[in-house]
């Protein structure tokens, strides 16, 4: 089983689940429909970009993606999305 580093929010959710603290959602079908629409909109490809990067970096990214069982473009897109959404921060150099 793989070990994943969870965010603080994800850890709180996991802890609540493990402690049987979660409650049922009253209008679950309506909530599912909203979530399905949101996921569909999120997964739509809206723009294509080209980037230049060091071959060694691309090789490393491809290896990581293979270990995670996903296409390397998906991994790159995920990392960029997390950064754009504020989940990941770049370390300042200097």
PDB file of N, CA and C in Angstrom:
ATOM      1  N   UNK A   1       0.852  -1.189   0.000  1.00  0.00           N
ATOM      2  CA  UNK A   1       0.000   0.000   0.000  1.00  0.00           C
ATOM      3  C   UNK A   1       0.890   1.243   0.000  1.00  0.00           C
ATOM      4  N   UNK A   2       0.543   2.196  -0.815  1.00  0.00           N
ATOM      5  CA  UNK A   2       1.321   3.429  -0.892  1.00  0.00           C
ATOM      6  C   UNK A   2       0.982   4.360   0.264  1.00  0.00           C
ATOM      7  N   UNK A   3       1.981   5.052   0.713  1.00  0.00           N
ATOM      8  CA  UNK A   3       1.777   6.077   1.740  1.00  0.00           C
ATOM      9  C   UNK A   3       1.698   7.421   1.045  1.00  0.00           C
ATOM     10  N   UNK A   4       0.682   8.190   1.339  1.00  0.00           N
ATOM     11  CA  UNK A   4       0.516   9.507   0.758  1.00  0.00           C
ATOM     12  C   UNK A   4       0.618  10.555   1.849  1.00  0.00           C
ATOM     13  N   UNK A   5       1.212  11.668   1.514  1.00  0.00           N
ATOM     14  CA  UNK A   5       1.253  12.777   2.449  1.00  0.00           C
ATOM     15  C   UNK A   5      -0.058  13.543   2.306  1.00  0.00           C
ATOM     16  N   UNK A   6      -0.805  13.613   3.372  1.00  0.00           N
ATOM     17  CA  UNK A   6      -2.101  14.278   3.342  1.00  0.00           C
ATOM     18  C   UNK A   6      -1.969  15.721   3.793  1.00  0.00           C
ATOM     19  N   UNK A   7      -2.809  16.566   3.196  1.00  0.00           N
ATOM     20  CA  UNK A   7      -2.868  17.941   3.666  1.00  0.00           C
ATOM     21  C   UNK A   7      -3.555  17.938   5.033  1.00  0.00           C
ATOM     22  N   UNK A   8      -3.516  19.053   5.704  1.00  0.00           N
ATOM     23  CA  UNK A   8      -4.161  19.145   7.021  1.00  0.00           C
ATOM     24  C   UNK A   8      -5.651  18.848   6.909  1.00  0.00           C
ATOM     25  N   UNK A   9      -6.288  19.407   5.878  1.00  0.00           N
ATOM     26  CA  UNK A   9      -7.726  19.194   5.680  1.00  0.00           C
ATOM     27  C   UNK A   9      -8.025  17.726   5.385  1.00  0.00           C
ATOM     28  N   UNK A  10      -7.223  17.100   4.534  1.00  0.00           N
ATOM     29  CA  UNK A  10      -7.417  15.691   4.217  1.00  0.00           C
ATOM     30  C   UNK A  10      -7.240  14.824   5.458  1.00  0.00           C
ATOM     31  N   UNK A  11      -6.259  15.151   6.303  1.00  0.00           N
ATOM     32  CA  UNK A  11      -6.030  14.383   7.525  1.00  0.00           C
ATOM     33  C   UNK A  11      -7.217  14.523   8.471  1.00  0.00           C
ATOM     34  N   UNK A  12      -7.791  15.720   8.561  1.00  0.00           N
ATOM     35  CA  UNK A  12      -8.975  15.921   9.405  1.00  0.00           C
ATOM     36  C   UNK A  12     -10.139  15.063   8.920  1.00  0.00           C
ATOM     37  N   UNK A  13     -10.310  14.988   7.596  1.00  0.00           N
ATOM     38  CA  UNK A  13     -11.390  14.175   7.033  1.00  0.00           C
ATOM     39  C   UNK A  13     -11.149  12.706   7.334  1.00  0.00           C
ATOM     40  N   UNK A  14      -9.916  12.241   7.138  1.00  0.00           N
ATOM     41  CA  UNK A  14      -9.590  10.848   7.415  1.00  0.00           C
ATOM     42  C   UNK A  14      -9.809  10.522   8.888  1.00  0.00           C
ATOM     43  N   UNK A  15      -9.380  11.407   9.763  1.00  0.00           N
ATOM     44  CA  UNK A  15      -9.573  11.186  11.208  1.00  0.00           C
ATOM     45  C   UNK A  15     -11.055  11.107  11.553  1.00  0.00           C
ATOM     46  N   UNK A  16     -11.854  12.003  10.971  1.00  0.00           N
ATOM     47  CA  UNK A  16     -13.291  11.989  11.229  1.00  0.00           C
ATOM     48  C   UNK A  16     -13.911  10.687  10.731  1.00  0.00           C
ATOM     49  N   UNK A  17     -13.477  10.229   9.568  1.00  0.00           N
ATOM     50  CA  UNK A  17     -13.980   8.961   9.024  1.00  0.00           C
ATOM     51  C   UNK A  17     -13.626   7.804   9.943  1.00  0.00           C
ATOM     52  N   UNK A  18     -12.379   7.748  10.341  1.00  0.00           N
ATOM     53  CA  UNK A  18     -11.928   6.643  11.195  1.00  0.00           C
ATOM     54  C   UNK A  18     -12.588   6.662  12.567  1.00  0.00           C
ATOM     55  N   UNK A  19     -13.024   7.826  13.033  1.00  0.00           N
ATOM     56  CA  UNK A  19     -13.685   7.947  14.342  1.00  0.00           C
ATOM     57  C   UNK A  19     -15.204   7.928  14.227  1.00  0.00           C
ATOM     58  N   UNK A  20     -15.723   7.565  13.053  1.00  0.00           N
ATOM     59  CA  UNK A  20     -17.175   7.505  12.800  1.00  0.00           C
ATOM     60  C   UNK A  20     -17.873   8.814  13.140  1.00  0.00           C
ATOM     61  N   UNK A  21     -17.250   9.938  12.785  1.00  0.00           N
ATOM     62  CA  UNK A  21     -17.816  11.246  13.082  1.00  0.00           C
ATOM     63  C   UNK A  21     -18.522  11.867  11.873  1.00  0.00           C
ATOM     64  N   UNK A  22     -18.507  11.179  10.737  1.00  0.00           N
ATOM     65  CA  UNK A  22     -19.135  11.727   9.539  1.00  0.00           C
ATOM     66  C   UNK A  22     -20.632  11.463   9.576  1.00  0.00           C
ATOM     67  N   UNK A  23     -21.403  12.361   8.988  1.00  0.00           N
ATOM     68  CA  UNK A  23     -22.855  12.220   8.962  1.00  0.00           C
ATOM     69  C   UNK A  23     -23.334  12.146   7.521  1.00  0.00           C
ATOM     70  N   UNK A  24     -24.509  11.585   7.327  1.00  0.00           N
ATOM     71  CA  UNK A  24     -25.092  11.468   5.992  1.00  0.00           C
ATOM     72  C   UNK A  24     -25.513  12.837   5.472  1.00  0.00           C
ATOM     73  N   UNK A  25     -25.445  12.979   4.153  1.00  0.00           N
ATOM     74  CA  UNK A  25     -25.879  14.219   3.506  1.00  0.00           C
ATOM     75  C   UNK A  25     -27.348  14.061   3.144  1.00  0.00           C
ATOM     76  N   UNK A  26     -28.221  15.016   3.558  1.00  0.00           N
ATOM     77  CA  UNK A  26     -29.662  14.874   3.341  1.00  0.00           C
ATOM     78  C   UNK A  26     -30.048  14.674   1.869  1.00  0.00           C
ATOM     79  N   UNK A  27     -29.603  15.527   0.970  1.00  0.00           N
ATOM     80  CA  UNK A  27     -29.983  15.449  -0.438  1.00  0.00           C
ATOM     81  C   UNK A  27     -28.814  14.905  -1.248  1.00  0.00           C
ATOM     82  N   UNK A  28     -28.433  13.664  -0.978  1.00  0.00           N
ATOM     83  CA  UNK A  28     -27.223  13.113  -1.556  1.00  0.00           C
ATOM     84  C   UNK A  28     -27.277  13.059  -3.081  1.00  0.00           C
ATOM     85  N   UNK A  29     -28.413  12.736  -3.667  1.00  0.00           N
ATOM     86  CA  UNK A  29     -28.511  12.649  -5.132  1.00  0.00           C
ATOM     87  C   UNK A  29     -28.295  14.017  -5.775  1.00  0.00           C
ATOM     88  N   UNK A  30     -28.856  15.048  -5.181  1.00  0.00           N
ATOM     89  CA  UNK A  30     -28.657  16.407  -5.688  1.00  0.00           C
ATOM     90  C   UNK A  30     -27.184  16.808  -5.557  1.00  0.00           C
ATOM     91  N   UNK A  31     -26.580  16.474  -4.429  1.00  0.00           N
ATOM     92  CA  UNK A  31     -25.172  16.781  -4.217  1.00  0.00           C
ATOM     93  C   UNK A  31     -24.285  16.025  -5.207  1.00  0.00           C
ATOM     94  N   UNK A  32     -24.649  14.759  -5.493  1.00  0.00           N
ATOM     95  CA  UNK A  32     -23.890  13.974  -6.473  1.00  0.00           C
ATOM     96  C   UNK A  32     -23.956  14.625  -7.852  1.00  0.00           C
ATOM     97  N   UNK A  33     -25.129  15.086  -8.226  1.00  0.00           N
ATOM     98  CA  UNK A  33     -25.297  15.723  -9.533  1.00  0.00           C
ATOM     99  C   UNK A  33     -24.446  16.993  -9.624  1.00  0.00           C
ATOM    100  N   UNK A  34     -24.446  17.800  -8.578  1.00  0.00           N
ATOM    101  CA  UNK A  34     -23.628  19.020  -8.558  1.00  0.00           C
ATOM    102  C   UNK A  34     -22.151  18.661  -8.656  1.00  0.00           C
ATOM    103  N   UNK A  35     -21.728  17.646  -7.900  1.00  0.00           N
ATOM    104  CA  UNK A  35     -20.330  17.229  -7.928  1.00  0.00           C
ATOM    105  C   UNK A  35     -19.944  16.675  -9.303  1.00  0.00           C
ATOM    106  N   UNK A  36     -20.846  15.941  -9.932  1.00  0.00           N
ATOM    107  CA  UNK A  36     -20.579  15.382 -11.264  1.00  0.00           C
ATOM    108  C   UNK A  36     -20.388  16.494 -12.285  1.00  0.00           C
ATOM    109  N   UNK A  37     -21.226  17.506 -12.223  1.00  0.00           N
ATOM    110  CA  UNK A  37     -21.106  18.648 -13.138  1.00  0.00           C
ATOM    111  C   UNK A  37     -19.798  19.393 -12.882  1.00  0.00           C
ATOM    112  N   UNK A  38     -19.479  19.601 -11.620  1.00  0.00           N
ATOM    113  CA  UNK A  38     -18.237  20.296 -11.271  1.00  0.00           C
ATOM    114  C   UNK A  38     -17.022  19.504 -11.757  1.00  0.00           C
ATOM    115  N   UNK A  39     -17.034  18.194 -11.555  1.00  0.00           N
ATOM    116  CA  UNK A  39     -15.913  17.364 -12.002  1.00  0.00           C
ATOM    117  C   UNK A  39     -15.790  17.381 -13.511  1.00  0.00           C
ATOM    118  N   UNK A  40     -16.913  17.332 -14.179  1.00  0.00           N
ATOM    119  CA  UNK A  40     -16.904  17.376 -15.642  1.00  0.00           C
ATOM    120  C   UNK A  40     -16.309  18.680 -16.142  1.00  0.00           C
ATOM    121  N   UNK A  41     -16.704  19.785 -15.533  1.00  0.00           N
ATOM    122  CA  UNK A  41     -16.165  21.088 -15.929  1.00  0.00           C
ATOM    123  C   UNK A  41     -14.680  21.186 -15.617  1.00  0.00           C
ATOM    124  N   UNK A  42     -14.266  20.603 -14.502  1.00  0.00           N
ATOM    125  CA  UNK A  42     -12.862  20.657 -14.104  1.00  0.00           C
ATOM    126  C   UNK A  42     -11.983  19.868 -15.069  1.00  0.00           C
ATOM    127  N   UNK A  43     -12.499  18.745 -15.541  1.00  0.00           N
ATOM    128  CA  UNK A  43     -11.707  17.871 -16.391  1.00  0.00           C
ATOM    129  C   UNK A  43     -11.675  18.293 -17.858  1.00  0.00           C
ATOM    130  N   UNK A  44     -12.480  19.274 -18.235  1.00  0.00           N
ATOM    131  CA  UNK A  44     -12.455  19.736 -19.618  1.00  0.00           C
ATOM    132  C   UNK A  44     -11.114  20.380 -19.914  1.00  0.00           C
ATOM    133  N   UNK A  45     -10.559  19.995 -21.048  1.00  0.00           N
ATOM    134  CA  UNK A  45      -9.305  20.609 -21.462  1.00  0.00           C
ATOM    135  C   UNK A  45      -9.651  21.924 -22.140  1.00  0.00           C
ATOM    136  N   UNK A  46      -9.077  23.004 -21.634  1.00  0.00           N
ATOM    137  CA  UNK A  46      -9.438  24.312 -22.168  1.00  0.00           C
ATOM    138  C   UNK A  46      -8.297  25.008 -22.876  1.00  0.00           C
ATOM    139  N   UNK A  47      -7.073  24.609 -22.612  1.00  0.00           N
ATOM    140  CA  UNK A  47      -5.948  25.284 -23.244  1.00  0.00           C
ATOM    141  C   UNK A  47      -4.803  24.312 -23.425  1.00  0.00           C
ATOM    142  N   UNK A  48      -4.056  24.535 -24.471  1.00  0.00           N
ATOM    143  CA  UNK A  48      -2.876  23.719 -24.738  1.00  0.00           C
ATOM    144  C   UNK A  48      -1.659  24.629 -24.640  1.00  0.00           C
ATOM    145  N   UNK A  49      -0.606  24.134 -23.986  1.00  0.00           N
ATOM    146  CA  UNK A  49       0.615  24.922 -23.867  1.00  0.00           C
ATOM    147  C   UNK A  49       1.802  24.081 -24.298  1.00  0.00           C
ATOM    148  N   UNK A  50       2.851  24.740 -24.678  1.00  0.00           N
ATOM    149  CA  UNK A  50       4.130  24.085 -24.955  1.00  0.00           C
ATOM    150  C   UNK A  50       5.154  24.678 -24.001  1.00  0.00           C
ATOM    151  N   UNK A  51       5.956  23.818 -23.419  1.00  0.00           N
ATOM    152  CA  UNK A  51       7.005  24.298 -22.525  1.00  0.00           C
ATOM    153  C   UNK A  51       8.319  23.613 -22.895  1.00  0.00           C
ATOM    154  N   UNK A  52       9.396  24.293 -22.594  1.00  0.00           N
ATOM    155  CA  UNK A  52      10.720  23.698 -22.781  1.00  0.00           C
ATOM    156  C   UNK A  52      11.262  23.373 -21.399  1.00  0.00           C
ATOM    157  N   UNK A  53      11.848  22.194 -21.291  1.00  0.00           N
ATOM    158  CA  UNK A  53      12.427  21.796 -20.021  1.00  0.00           C
ATOM    159  C   UNK A  53      13.619  20.892 -20.278  1.00  0.00           C
ATOM    160  N   UNK A  54      14.424  20.756 -19.258  1.00  0.00           N
ATOM    161  CA  UNK A  54      15.605  19.907 -19.367  1.00  0.00           C
ATOM    162  C   UNK A  54      15.162  18.462 -19.580  1.00  0.00           C
ATOM    163  N   UNK A  55      15.842  17.760 -20.481  1.00  0.00           N
ATOM    164  CA  UNK A  55      15.484  16.356 -20.711  1.00  0.00           C
ATOM    165  C   UNK A  55      15.528  15.516 -19.434  1.00  0.00           C
ATOM    166  N   UNK A  56      16.487  15.818 -18.537  1.00  0.00           N
ATOM    167  CA  UNK A  56      16.578  15.060 -17.287  1.00  0.00           C
ATOM    168  C   UNK A  56      15.331  15.258 -16.427  1.00  0.00           C
ATOM    169  N   UNK A  57      14.807  16.494 -16.414  1.00  0.00           N
ATOM    170  CA  UNK A  57      13.594  16.766 -15.634  1.00  0.00           C
ATOM    171  C   UNK A  57      12.402  15.997 -16.202  1.00  0.00           C
ATOM    172  N   UNK A  58      12.292  16.003 -17.536  1.00  0.00           N
ATOM    173  CA  UNK A  58      11.180  15.293 -18.172  1.00  0.00           C
ATOM    174  C   UNK A  58      11.279  13.797 -17.905  1.00  0.00           C
ATOM    175  N   UNK A  59      12.472  13.251 -17.982  1.00  0.00           N
ATOM    176  CA  UNK A  59      12.665  11.830 -17.699  1.00  0.00           C
ATOM    177  C   UNK A  59      12.244  11.512 -16.271  1.00  0.00           C
ATOM    178  N   UNK A  60      12.629  12.359 -15.324  1.00  0.00           N
ATOM    179  CA  UNK A  60      12.254  12.149 -13.917  1.00  0.00           C
ATOM    180  C   UNK A  60      10.738  12.231 -13.740  1.00  0.00           C
ATOM    181  N   UNK A  61      10.125  13.196 -14.395  1.00  0.00           N
ATOM    182  CA  UNK A  61       8.663  13.342 -14.309  1.00  0.00           C
ATOM    183  C   UNK A  61       7.975  12.110 -14.888  1.00  0.00           C
ATOM    184  N   UNK A  62       8.461  11.603 -16.001  1.00  0.00           N
ATOM    185  CA  UNK A  62       7.876  10.407 -16.608  1.00  0.00           C
ATOM    186  C   UNK A  62       8.005   9.206 -15.673  1.00  0.00           C
ATOM    187  N   UNK A  63       9.130   9.090 -14.974  1.00  0.00           N
ATOM    188  CA  UNK A  63       9.317   7.989 -14.034  1.00  0.00           C
ATOM    189  C   UNK A  63       8.340   8.103 -12.865  1.00  0.00           C
ATOM    190  N   UNK A  64       8.189   9.304 -12.347  1.00  0.00           N
ATOM    191  CA  UNK A  64       7.256   9.517 -11.221  1.00  0.00           C
ATOM    192  C   UNK A  64       5.831   9.214 -11.666  1.00  0.00           C
ATOM    193  N   UNK A  65       5.456   9.690 -12.849  1.00  0.00           N
ATOM    194  CA  UNK A  65       4.107   9.444 -13.367  1.00  0.00           C
ATOM    195  C   UNK A  65       3.855   7.948 -13.539  1.00  0.00           C
ATOM    196  N   UNK A  66       4.843   7.232 -14.045  1.00  0.00           N
ATOM    197  CA  UNK A  66       4.691   5.785 -14.214  1.00  0.00           C
ATOM    198  C   UNK A  66       4.489   5.102 -12.862  1.00  0.00           C
ATOM    199  N   UNK A  67       5.212   5.537 -11.847  1.00  0.00           N
ATOM    200  CA  UNK A  67       5.058   4.967 -10.503  1.00  0.00           C
ATOM    201  C   UNK A  67       3.667   5.249  -9.948  1.00  0.00           C
ATOM    202  N   UNK A  68       3.115   6.414 -10.302  1.00  0.00           N
ATOM    203  CA  UNK A  68       1.784   6.790  -9.825  1.00  0.00           C
ATOM    204  C   UNK A  68       0.676   6.220 -10.704  1.00  0.00           C
ATOM    205  N   UNK A  69       1.055   5.645 -11.858  1.00  0.00           N
ATOM    206  CA  UNK A  69       0.061   5.043 -12.750  1.00  0.00           C
ATOM    207  C   UNK A  69      -0.752   6.059 -13.525  1.00  0.00           C
ATOM    208  N   UNK A  70      -0.103   7.134 -13.949  1.00  0.00           N
ATOM    209  CA  UNK A  70      -0.820   8.168 -14.702  1.00  0.00           C
ATOM    210  C   UNK A  70       0.057   8.681 -15.827  1.00  0.00           C
ATOM    211  N   UNK A  71      -0.556   9.267 -16.851  1.00  0.00           N
ATOM    212  CA  UNK A  71       0.241   9.876 -17.921  1.00  0.00           C
ATOM    213  C   UNK A  71       1.054  11.052 -17.373  1.00  0.00           C
ATOM    214  N   UNK A  72       2.237  11.255 -17.926  1.00  0.00           N
ATOM    215  CA  UNK A  72       3.095  12.324 -17.400  1.00  0.00           C
ATOM    216  C   UNK A  72       2.486  13.704 -17.612  1.00  0.00           C
ATOM    217  N   UNK A  73       1.713  13.885 -18.701  1.00  0.00           N
ATOM    218  CA  UNK A  73       1.068  15.183 -18.916  1.00  0.00           C
ATOM    219  C   UNK A  73       0.058  15.475 -17.800  1.00  0.00           C
ATOM    220  N   UNK A  74      -0.631  14.444 -17.345  1.00  0.00           N
ATOM    221  CA  UNK A  74      -1.602  14.597 -16.260  1.00  0.00           C
ATOM    222  C   UNK A  74      -0.893  15.001 -14.973  1.00  0.00           C
ATOM    223  N   UNK A  75       0.252  14.383 -14.710  1.00  0.00           N
ATOM    224  CA  UNK A  75       1.029  14.738 -13.519  1.00  0.00           C
ATOM    225  C   UNK A  75       1.474  16.195 -13.578  1.00  0.00           C
ATOM    226  N   UNK A  76       2.009  16.613 -14.724  1.00  0.00           N
ATOM    227  CA  UNK A  76       2.445  18.006 -14.878  1.00  0.00           C
ATOM    228  C   UNK A  76       1.269  18.953 -14.677  1.00  0.00           C
ATOM    229  N   UNK A  77       0.141  18.629 -15.304  1.00  0.00           N
ATOM    230  CA  UNK A  77      -1.047  19.473 -15.166  1.00  0.00           C
ATOM    231  C   UNK A  77      -1.513  19.556 -13.716  1.00  0.00           C
ATOM    232  N   UNK A  78      -1.456  18.437 -13.009  1.00  0.00           N
ATOM    233  CA  UNK A  78      -1.868  18.413 -11.605  1.00  0.00           C
ATOM    234  C   UNK A  78      -0.969  19.297 -10.742  1.00  0.00           C
ATOM    235  N   UNK A  79       0.339  19.185 -10.960  1.00  0.00           N
ATOM    236  CA  UNK A  79       1.284  20.002 -10.197  1.00  0.00           C
ATOM    237  C   UNK A  79       1.040  21.484 -10.466  1.00  0.00           C
ATOM    238  N   UNK A  80       0.862  21.839 -11.728  1.00  0.00           N
ATOM    239  CA  UNK A  80       0.612  23.237 -12.075  1.00  0.00           C
ATOM    240  C   UNK A  80      -0.713  23.732 -11.486  1.00  0.00           C
ATOM    241  N   UNK A  81      -1.732  22.874 -11.523  1.00  0.00           N
ATOM    242  CA  UNK A  81      -3.029  23.259 -10.943  1.00  0.00           C
ATOM    243  C   UNK A  81      -2.900  23.502  -9.441  1.00  0.00           C
ATOM    244  N   UNK A  82      -2.203  22.611  -8.748  1.00  0.00           N
ATOM    245  CA  UNK A  82      -2.039  22.784  -7.299  1.00  0.00           C
ATOM    246  C   UNK A  82      -1.292  24.069  -6.977  1.00  0.00           C
ATOM    247  N   UNK A  83      -0.301  24.385  -7.792  1.00  0.00           N
ATOM    248  CA  UNK A  83       0.428  25.636  -7.581  1.00  0.00           C
ATOM    249  C   UNK A  83      -0.492  26.833  -7.833  1.00  0.00           C
ATOM    250  N   UNK A  84      -1.223  26.799  -8.935  1.00  0.00           N
ATOM    251  CA  UNK A  84      -2.120  27.911  -9.279  1.00  0.00           C
ATOM    252  C   UNK A  84      -3.216  28.086  -8.231  1.00  0.00           C
ATOM    253  N   UNK A  85      -3.658  26.990  -7.631  1.00  0.00           N
ATOM    254  CA  UNK A  85      -4.712  27.047  -6.621  1.00  0.00           C
ATOM    255  C   UNK A  85      -4.172  27.418  -5.242  1.00  0.00           C
ATOM    256  N   UNK A  86      -2.838  27.524  -5.115  1.00  0.00           N
ATOM    257  CA  UNK A  86      -2.253  27.936  -3.847  1.00  0.00           C
ATOM    258  C   UNK A  86      -1.913  26.802  -2.910  1.00  0.00           C
ATOM    259  N   UNK A  87      -2.069  25.546  -3.344  1.00  0.00           N
ATOM    260  CA  UNK A  87      -1.742  24.410  -2.487  1.00  0.00           C
ATOM    261  C   UNK A  87      -0.245  24.199  -2.371  1.00  0.00           C
ATOM    262  N   UNK A  88       0.478  24.478  -3.443  1.00  0.00           N
ATOM    263  CA  UNK A  88       1.932  24.326  -3.441  1.00  0.00           C
ATOM    264  C   UNK A  88       2.575  25.689  -3.587  1.00  0.00           C
ATOM    265  N   UNK A  89       3.678  25.878  -2.923  1.00  0.00           N
ATOM    266  CA  UNK A  89       4.439  27.138  -3.013  1.00  0.00           C
ATOM    267  C   UNK A  89       5.847  26.818  -3.477  1.00  0.00           C
ATOM    268  N   UNK A  90       6.440  27.730  -4.226  1.00  0.00           N
ATOM    269  CA  UNK A  90       7.823  27.567  -4.641  1.00  0.00           C
ATOM    270  C   UNK A  90       8.727  28.039  -3.520  1.00  0.00           C
ATOM    271  N   UNK A  91       9.820  27.339  -3.338  1.00  0.00           N
ATOM    272  CA  UNK A  91      10.827  27.779  -2.374  1.00  0.00           C
ATOM    273  C   UNK A  91      11.598  28.942  -2.969  1.00  0.00           C
ATOM    274  N   UNK A  92      11.810  29.973  -2.180  1.00  0.00           N
ATOM    275  CA  UNK A  92      12.591  31.108  -2.647  1.00  0.00           C
ATOM    276  C   UNK A  92      14.067  30.746  -2.609  1.00  0.00           C
ATOM    277  N   UNK A  93      14.751  31.066  -3.661  1.00  0.00           N
ATOM    278  CA  UNK A  93      16.189  30.772  -3.763  1.00  0.00           C
ATOM    279  C   UNK A  93      16.947  32.064  -3.549  1.00  0.00           C
ATOM    280  N   UNK A  94      18.005  31.994  -2.770  1.00  0.00           N
ATOM    281  CA  UNK A  94      18.853  33.184  -2.621  1.00  0.00           C
ATOM    282  C   UNK A  94      18.783  33.855  -1.345  1.00  0.00           C
TER     283      UNK A  94
END
